[in-house]
Amino acid sequence: MAEVNGVCGSVADRTRPGELLRLVADGLAGSGLDVRLLEHAEGSRLVIACGAGECVVSVSDWGCAEWEYCPGPDADPGLAADLATALLTGRAGQQPRLGRGDERGGITFKGIAGRELKARGLEVELAVYADEDYFDAAAEIVVTSPGSGNDAKVWITDDGWLTWMRDYWPEPAAVAPGPQSCGQLADPAGVAASVAETITRAMSCLRPAGQEGPA
């Protein structure tokens, strides 16, 4: 997950805290998605109505955006690959199946999705998390788009949980000179529009074939 270093200001210096998230909510609603604000102990998030699972969006005032998709019981690795492709490349909709990962028995969900994404030209790495206390390990794949010019990443687990994250700070940030090098996002409206467009594109993959409007 991306971190912001060397700055002490935020977009909240000139707008209300949470304004960037509200701008994203307006953009998603304008695309026809059913969005509601969810307040919790760690701050505010957006929940997008989705019959195919659960979708949650969080956007910090620093410009770190996250979209989480938790599928229903019939999780599909092909759909996970299509979602990752839409989020990282802008190519929405069902893509031709190239990976052939499901032709062999015993391949995990993330293995099928990872082989498919690699066949599409995306970079796929395996992230392994060791539990030294109980001598166990968990793993997920991390997907990026080579040559995209941004640090967007998608994580996919074996239960089909998909997380997209992108830190918009380095691109539109304006840093004011000074002893503490404070700064803020230069174009929050532009960041919000980009986040809403990316998520709307991914949500289109969750609609049944031929259906228009919200997922």
C-alpha atoms as a PDB file:
ATOM      1  CA  MET A   1       0.000   0.000   0.000  1.00  0.00           C
ATOM      2  CA  ALA A   2       1.320   3.400  -0.989  1.00  0.00           C
ATOM      3  CA  GLU A   3       2.413   5.830   1.722  1.00  0.00           C
ATOM      4  CA  VAL A   4       2.851   9.603   1.592  1.00  0.00           C
ATOM      5  CA  ASN A   5       6.203  10.859   2.853  1.00  0.00           C
ATOM      6  CA  GLY A   6       7.733  14.302   3.356  1.00  0.00           C
ATOM      7  CA  VAL A   7       4.546  16.366   3.438  1.00  0.00           C
ATOM      8  CA  CYS A   8       2.467  17.781   6.265  1.00  0.00           C
ATOM      9  CA  GLY A   9      -0.506  19.321   4.508  1.00  0.00           C
ATOM     10  CA  SER A  10      -3.502  17.839   2.728  1.00  0.00           C
ATOM     11  CA  VAL A  11      -6.385  18.792   0.543  1.00  0.00           C
ATOM     12  CA  ALA A  12      -8.201  19.509   3.817  1.00  0.00           C
ATOM     13  CA  ASP A  13      -6.118  22.704   4.081  1.00  0.00           C
ATOM     14  CA  ARG A  14      -8.482  24.298   1.589  1.00  0.00           C
ATOM     15  CA  THR A  15     -11.517  21.986   1.660  1.00  0.00           C
ATOM     16  CA  ARG A  16     -13.451  20.154   4.322  1.00  0.00           C
ATOM     17  CA  PRO A  17     -12.095  16.794   5.523  1.00  0.00           C
ATOM     18  CA  GLY A  18     -13.632  14.063   3.392  1.00  0.00           C
ATOM     19  CA  GLU A  19     -14.367  16.422   0.508  1.00  0.00           C
ATOM     20  CA  LEU A  20     -12.438  14.264  -1.972  1.00  0.00           C
ATOM     21  CA  LEU A  21     -14.547  11.242  -1.025  1.00  0.00           C
ATOM     22  CA  ARG A  22     -17.709  13.303  -1.470  1.00  0.00           C
ATOM     23  CA  LEU A  23     -16.560  14.389  -4.929  1.00  0.00           C
ATOM     24  CA  VAL A  24     -15.989  10.738  -5.838  1.00  0.00           C
ATOM     25  CA  ALA A  25     -19.459   9.860  -4.520  1.00  0.00           C
ATOM     26  CA  ASP A  26     -20.990  12.551  -6.738  1.00  0.00           C
ATOM     27  CA  GLY A  27     -19.115  11.197  -9.750  1.00  0.00           C
ATOM     28  CA  LEU A  28     -20.226   7.620  -9.116  1.00  0.00           C
ATOM     29  CA  ALA A  29     -23.831   8.662  -8.572  1.00  0.00           C
ATOM     30  CA  GLY A  30     -23.670  10.694 -11.775  1.00  0.00           C
ATOM     31  CA  SER A  31     -22.698   7.491 -13.603  1.00  0.00           C
ATOM     32  CA  GLY A  32     -25.908   5.858 -12.420  1.00  0.00           C
ATOM     33  CA  LEU A  33     -24.452   3.841  -9.548  1.00  0.00           C
ATOM     34  CA  ASP A  34     -26.364   3.456  -6.273  1.00  0.00           C
ATOM     35  CA  VAL A  35     -23.957   4.866  -3.679  1.00  0.00           C
ATOM     36  CA  ARG A  36     -24.347   5.465   0.045  1.00  0.00           C
ATOM     37  CA  LEU A  37     -21.965   6.880   2.616  1.00  0.00           C
ATOM     38  CA  LEU A  38     -20.947   4.540   5.418  1.00  0.00           C
ATOM     39  CA  GLU A  39     -19.575   6.053   8.632  1.00  0.00           C
ATOM     40  CA  HIS A  40     -17.369   3.895  10.863  1.00  0.00           C
ATOM     41  CA  ALA A  41     -14.624   4.217  13.440  1.00  0.00           C
ATOM     42  CA  GLU A  42     -11.846   4.614  10.870  1.00  0.00           C
ATOM     43  CA  GLY A  43     -13.630   7.278   8.823  1.00  0.00           C
ATOM     44  CA  SER A  44     -16.062   7.346   5.928  1.00  0.00           C
ATOM     45  CA  ARG A  45     -16.437   4.883   3.068  1.00  0.00           C
ATOM     46  CA  LEU A  46     -18.762   4.485   0.131  1.00  0.00           C
ATOM     47  CA  VAL A  47     -20.825   1.359  -0.402  1.00  0.00           C
ATOM     48  CA  ILE A  48     -21.926   0.682  -3.994  1.00  0.00           C
ATOM     49  CA  ALA A  49     -25.032  -1.447  -4.495  1.00  0.00           C
ATOM     50  CA  CYS A  50     -23.966  -4.592  -6.314  1.00  0.00           C
ATOM     51  CA  GLY A  51     -26.022  -7.764  -6.702  1.00  0.00           C
ATOM     52  CA  ALA A  52     -22.912  -9.788  -7.541  1.00  0.00           C
ATOM     53  CA  GLY A  53     -21.179  -9.143  -4.215  1.00  0.00           C
ATOM     54  CA  GLU A  54     -20.104  -6.228  -2.030  1.00  0.00           C
ATOM     55  CA  CYS A  55     -18.223  -3.143  -3.229  1.00  0.00           C
ATOM     56  CA  VAL A  56     -16.658  -0.591  -0.891  1.00  0.00           C
ATOM     57  CA  VAL A  57     -14.709   2.565  -1.791  1.00  0.00           C
ATOM     58  CA  SER A  58     -12.413   4.627   0.417  1.00  0.00           C
ATOM     59  CA  VAL A  59     -10.529   7.773  -0.618  1.00  0.00           C
ATOM     60  CA  SER A  60      -8.259   9.699   1.727  1.00  0.00           C
ATOM     61  CA  ASP A  61      -7.765  13.459   1.600  1.00  0.00           C
ATOM     62  CA  TRP A  62      -4.210  12.694   0.460  1.00  0.00           C
ATOM     63  CA  GLY A  63      -5.528  11.065  -2.713  1.00  0.00           C
ATOM     64  CA  CYS A  64      -5.066   7.392  -1.833  1.00  0.00           C
ATOM     65  CA  ALA A  65      -7.998   5.536  -3.415  1.00  0.00           C
ATOM     66  CA  GLU A  66      -9.113   1.970  -2.724  1.00  0.00           C
ATOM     67  CA  TRP A  67     -11.892  -0.187  -4.189  1.00  0.00           C
ATOM     68  CA  GLU A  68     -12.696  -3.544  -2.602  1.00  0.00           C
ATOM     69  CA  TYR A  69     -14.850  -6.215  -4.197  1.00  0.00           C
ATOM     70  CA  CYS A  70     -16.018  -9.212  -2.178  1.00  0.00           C
ATOM     71  CA  PRO A  71     -17.805 -11.693  -4.471  1.00  0.00           C
ATOM     72  CA  GLY A  72     -20.697 -13.941  -3.585  1.00  0.00           C
ATOM     73  CA  PRO A  73     -20.387 -17.719  -3.178  1.00  0.00           C
ATOM     74  CA  ASP A  74     -19.922 -18.278  -6.931  1.00  0.00           C
ATOM     75  CA  ALA A  75     -16.642 -16.378  -7.293  1.00  0.00           C
ATOM     76  CA  ASP A  76     -15.255 -16.533 -10.835  1.00  0.00           C
ATOM     77  CA  PRO A  77     -11.492 -16.168 -11.501  1.00  0.00           C
ATOM     78  CA  GLY A  78     -12.258 -15.081 -15.064  1.00  0.00           C
ATOM     79  CA  LEU A  79     -14.370 -12.218 -13.740  1.00  0.00           C
ATOM     80  CA  ALA A  80     -11.609 -11.308 -11.290  1.00  0.00           C
ATOM     81  CA  ALA A  81      -9.194 -11.105 -14.219  1.00  0.00           C
ATOM     82  CA  ASP A  82     -11.620  -8.900 -16.158  1.00  0.00           C
ATOM     83  CA  LEU A  83     -12.024  -6.588 -13.162  1.00  0.00           C
ATOM     84  CA  ALA A  84      -8.261  -6.279 -12.714  1.00  0.00           C
ATOM     85  CA  THR A  85      -7.849  -5.604 -16.438  1.00  0.00           C
ATOM     86  CA  ALA A  86     -10.485  -2.857 -16.358  1.00  0.00           C
ATOM     87  CA  LEU A  87      -8.961  -1.240 -13.288  1.00  0.00           C
ATOM     88  CA  LEU A  88      -5.361  -1.304 -14.521  1.00  0.00           C
ATOM     89  CA  THR A  89      -5.683  -0.834 -18.289  1.00  0.00           C
ATOM     90  CA  GLY A  90      -9.085   0.739 -18.930  1.00  0.00           C
ATOM     91  CA  ARG A  91     -10.233  -2.214 -21.046  1.00  0.00           C
ATOM     92  CA  ALA A  92     -13.687  -2.984 -19.685  1.00  0.00           C
ATOM     93  CA  GLY A  93     -15.986  -5.937 -20.314  1.00  0.00           C
ATOM     94  CA  GLN A  94     -15.277  -9.629 -20.697  1.00  0.00           C
ATOM     95  CA  GLN A  95     -11.925 -10.224 -22.347  1.00  0.00           C
ATOM     96  CA  PRO A  96     -10.826 -13.241 -24.443  1.00  0.00           C
ATOM     97  CA  ARG A  97      -9.626 -16.068 -22.207  1.00  0.00           C
ATOM     98  CA  LEU A  98      -5.913 -16.583 -22.852  1.00  0.00           C
ATOM     99  CA  GLY A  99      -4.436 -18.117 -19.707  1.00  0.00           C
ATOM    100  CA  ARG A 100      -5.956 -21.638 -19.864  1.00  0.00           C
ATOM    101  CA  GLY A 101      -5.330 -21.980 -16.146  1.00  0.00           C
ATOM    102  CA  ASP A 102      -8.571 -23.858 -15.512  1.00  0.00           C
ATOM    103  CA  GLU A 103      -7.656 -26.720 -17.842  1.00  0.00           C
ATOM    104  CA  ARG A 104      -5.492 -28.297 -15.141  1.00  0.00           C
ATOM    105  CA  GLY A 105      -6.863 -29.618 -11.890  1.00  0.00           C
ATOM    106  CA  GLY A 106      -5.641 -28.359  -8.539  1.00  0.00           C
ATOM    107  CA  ILE A 107      -4.915 -24.761  -9.593  1.00  0.00           C
ATOM    108  CA  THR A 108      -6.076 -22.197  -7.058  1.00  0.00           C
ATOM    109  CA  PHE A 109      -8.418 -19.281  -7.746  1.00  0.00           C
ATOM    110  CA  LYS A 110      -5.548 -16.807  -7.685  1.00  0.00           C
ATOM    111  CA  GLY A 111      -3.503 -19.144  -9.886  1.00  0.00           C
ATOM    112  CA  ILE A 112      -6.156 -19.206 -12.617  1.00  0.00           C
ATOM    113  CA  ALA A 113      -6.665 -15.438 -12.424  1.00  0.00           C
ATOM    114  CA  GLY A 114      -2.922 -14.814 -12.339  1.00  0.00           C
ATOM    115  CA  ARG A 115      -2.192 -16.955 -15.385  1.00  0.00           C
ATOM    116  CA  GLU A 116      -4.969 -15.194 -17.272  1.00  0.00           C
ATOM    117  CA  LEU A 117      -3.684 -11.743 -16.368  1.00  0.00           C
ATOM    118  CA  LYS A 118      -0.102 -12.638 -17.228  1.00  0.00           C
ATOM    119  CA  ALA A 119      -1.281 -13.914 -20.626  1.00  0.00           C
ATOM    120  CA  ARG A 120      -2.880 -10.496 -21.170  1.00  0.00           C
ATOM    121  CA  GLY A 121       0.469  -8.766 -20.690  1.00  0.00           C
ATOM    122  CA  LEU A 122       0.070  -7.656 -17.077  1.00  0.00           C
ATOM    123  CA  GLU A 123       2.727  -8.204 -14.441  1.00  0.00           C
ATOM    124  CA  VAL A 124       1.771 -10.707 -11.745  1.00  0.00           C
ATOM    125  CA  GLU A 125       3.709 -11.417  -8.552  1.00  0.00           C
ATOM    126  CA  LEU A 126       3.014 -13.733  -5.655  1.00  0.00           C
ATOM    127  CA  ALA A 127       2.960 -12.122  -2.209  1.00  0.00           C
ATOM    128  CA  VAL A 128       3.435 -14.602   0.653  1.00  0.00           C
ATOM    129  CA  TYR A 129       2.770 -13.707   4.282  1.00  0.00           C
ATOM    130  CA  ALA A 130       4.357 -16.060   6.823  1.00  0.00           C
ATOM    131  CA  ASP A 131       2.894 -16.661  10.277  1.00  0.00           C
ATOM    132  CA  GLU A 132       5.931 -17.599  12.329  1.00  0.00           C
ATOM    133  CA  ASP A 133       3.837 -18.167  15.473  1.00  0.00           C
ATOM    134  CA  TYR A 134       1.684 -20.920  13.958  1.00  0.00           C
ATOM    135  CA  PHE A 135       4.079 -21.956  11.164  1.00  0.00           C
ATOM    136  CA  ASP A 136       1.603 -21.201   8.428  1.00  0.00           C
ATOM    137  CA  ALA A 137       1.454 -18.940   5.401  1.00  0.00           C
ATOM    138  CA  ALA A 138      -1.088 -17.045   3.330  1.00  0.00           C
ATOM    139  CA  ALA A 139      -0.637 -15.754  -0.191  1.00  0.00           C
ATOM    140  CA  GLU A 140      -2.231 -13.515  -2.783  1.00  0.00           C
ATOM    141  CA  ILE A 141      -1.253 -12.196  -6.190  1.00  0.00           C
ATOM    142  CA  VAL A 142      -0.317  -8.578  -6.862  1.00  0.00           C
ATOM    143  CA  VAL A 143      -1.036  -7.284 -10.367  1.00  0.00           C
ATOM    144  CA  THR A 144       0.349  -4.170 -12.085  1.00  0.00           C
ATOM    145  CA  SER A 145       0.307  -2.758 -15.607  1.00  0.00           C
ATOM    146  CA  PRO A 146       3.808  -2.269 -17.062  1.00  0.00           C
ATOM    147  CA  GLY A 147       4.420   1.109 -18.617  1.00  0.00           C
ATOM    148  CA  SER A 148       1.264   2.656 -17.173  1.00  0.00           C
ATOM    149  CA  GLY A 149       3.175   5.439 -15.443  1.00  0.00           C
ATOM    150  CA  ASN A 150       1.291   5.068 -12.151  1.00  0.00           C
ATOM    151  CA  ASP A 151       1.542   2.879  -9.068  1.00  0.00           C
ATOM    152  CA  ALA A 152      -1.921   1.316  -9.254  1.00  0.00           C
ATOM    153  CA  LYS A 153      -2.053  -2.272  -8.020  1.00  0.00           C
ATOM    154  CA  VAL A 154      -4.652  -5.021  -7.717  1.00  0.00           C
ATOM    155  CA  TRP A 155      -4.543  -7.781  -5.098  1.00  0.00           C
ATOM    156  CA  ILE A 156      -6.514 -11.027  -5.590  1.00  0.00           C
ATOM    157  CA  THR A 157      -6.931 -13.733  -2.963  1.00  0.00           C
ATOM    158  CA  ASP A 158      -8.047 -17.348  -3.223  1.00  0.00           C
ATOM    159  CA  ASP A 159     -11.532 -16.499  -1.959  1.00  0.00           C
ATOM    160  CA  GLY A 160     -11.950 -14.045  -4.837  1.00  0.00           C
ATOM    161  CA  TRP A 161     -11.523 -10.894  -2.775  1.00  0.00           C
ATOM    162  CA  LEU A 162     -10.123  -8.161  -5.035  1.00  0.00           C
ATOM    163  CA  THR A 163      -8.592  -4.867  -3.915  1.00  0.00           C
ATOM    164  CA  TRP A 164      -7.502  -2.008  -6.193  1.00  0.00           C
ATOM    165  CA  MET A 165      -5.338   0.769  -4.821  1.00  0.00           C
ATOM    166  CA  ARG A 166      -3.796   3.844  -6.384  1.00  0.00           C
ATOM    167  CA  ASP A 167      -2.001   6.749  -4.755  1.00  0.00           C
ATOM    168  CA  TYR A 168      -2.756   9.913  -6.725  1.00  0.00           C
ATOM    169  CA  TRP A 169      -0.567  12.150  -4.579  1.00  0.00           C
ATOM    170  CA  PRO A 170       2.676  12.139  -6.647  1.00  0.00           C
ATOM    171  CA  GLU A 171       0.879  13.186  -9.854  1.00  0.00           C
ATOM    172  CA  PRO A 172      -1.347  16.191  -9.018  1.00  0.00           C
ATOM    173  CA  ALA A 173       0.287  17.318  -5.760  1.00  0.00           C
ATOM    174  CA  ALA A 174       1.490  20.870  -5.348  1.00  0.00           C
ATOM    175  CA  VAL A 175       4.165  21.240  -2.672  1.00  0.00           C
ATOM    176  CA  ALA A 176       4.631  24.668  -1.135  1.00  0.00           C
ATOM    177  CA  PRO A 177       8.241  25.541  -0.289  1.00  0.00           C
ATOM    178  CA  GLY A 178       9.072  25.970   3.372  1.00  0.00           C
ATOM    179  CA  PRO A 179      10.979  24.486   6.282  1.00  0.00           C
ATOM    180  CA  GLN A 180       8.511  21.611   6.644  1.00  0.00           C
ATOM    181  CA  SER A 181       7.699  21.135   2.937  1.00  0.00           C
ATOM    182  CA  CYS A 182       3.927  21.224   3.316  1.00  0.00           C
ATOM    183  CA  GLY A 183       1.664  20.500   0.358  1.00  0.00           C
ATOM    184  CA  GLN A 184      -1.782  19.654  -0.859  1.00  0.00           C
ATOM    185  CA  LEU A 185      -3.483  18.122  -3.880  1.00  0.00           C
ATOM    186  CA  ALA A 186      -3.458  20.626  -6.709  1.00  0.00           C
ATOM    187  CA  ASP A 187      -6.530  19.254  -8.508  1.00  0.00           C
ATOM    188  CA  PRO A 188      -8.914  17.360  -6.193  1.00  0.00           C
ATOM    189  CA  ALA A 189     -11.749  17.546  -8.738  1.00  0.00           C
ATOM    190  CA  GLY A 190      -9.535  15.934 -11.375  1.00  0.00           C
ATOM    191  CA  VAL A 191      -8.457  13.193  -8.973  1.00  0.00           C
ATOM    192  CA  ALA A 192     -12.084  12.512  -8.002  1.00  0.00           C
ATOM    193  CA  ALA A 193     -13.094  12.293 -11.664  1.00  0.00           C
ATOM    194  CA  SER A 194     -10.311   9.799 -12.384  1.00  0.00           C
ATOM    195  CA  VAL A 195     -11.234   7.632  -9.385  1.00  0.00           C
ATOM    196  CA  ALA A 196     -14.942   7.655 -10.289  1.00  0.00           C
ATOM    197  CA  GLU A 197     -14.206   6.795 -13.927  1.00  0.00           C
ATOM    198  CA  THR A 198     -11.956   3.873 -12.982  1.00  0.00           C
ATOM    199  CA  ILE A 199     -14.442   2.411 -10.513  1.00  0.00           C
ATOM    200  CA  THR A 200     -17.415   2.921 -12.845  1.00  0.00           C
ATOM    201  CA  ARG A 201     -15.529   1.016 -15.539  1.00  0.00           C
ATOM    202  CA  ALA A 202     -14.891  -1.862 -13.146  1.00  0.00           C
ATOM    203  CA  MET A 203     -18.514  -1.904 -12.006  1.00  0.00           C
ATOM    204  CA  SER A 204     -19.598  -2.332 -15.624  1.00  0.00           C
ATOM    205  CA  CYS A 205     -17.924  -5.765 -15.575  1.00  0.00           C
ATOM    206  CA  LEU A 206     -20.349  -6.847 -12.845  1.00  0.00           C
ATOM    207  CA  ARG A 207     -23.478  -6.190 -14.895  1.00  0.00           C
ATOM    208  CA  PRO A 208     -25.226  -9.098 -16.617  1.00  0.00           C
ATOM    209  CA  ALA A 209     -24.697  -9.237 -20.364  1.00  0.00           C
ATOM    210  CA  GLY A 210     -26.892  -6.718 -22.144  1.00  0.00           C
ATOM    211  CA  GLN A 211     -27.860  -4.854 -18.961  1.00  0.00           C
ATOM    212  CA  GLU A 212     -27.352  -1.111 -18.882  1.00  0.00           C
ATOM    213  CA  GLY A 213     -27.280   1.196 -15.907  1.00  0.00           C
ATOM    214  CA  PRO A 214     -26.125   0.408 -12.364  1.00  0.00           C
ATOM    215  CA  ALA A 215     -24.687  -3.013 -11.564  1.00  0.00           C
END
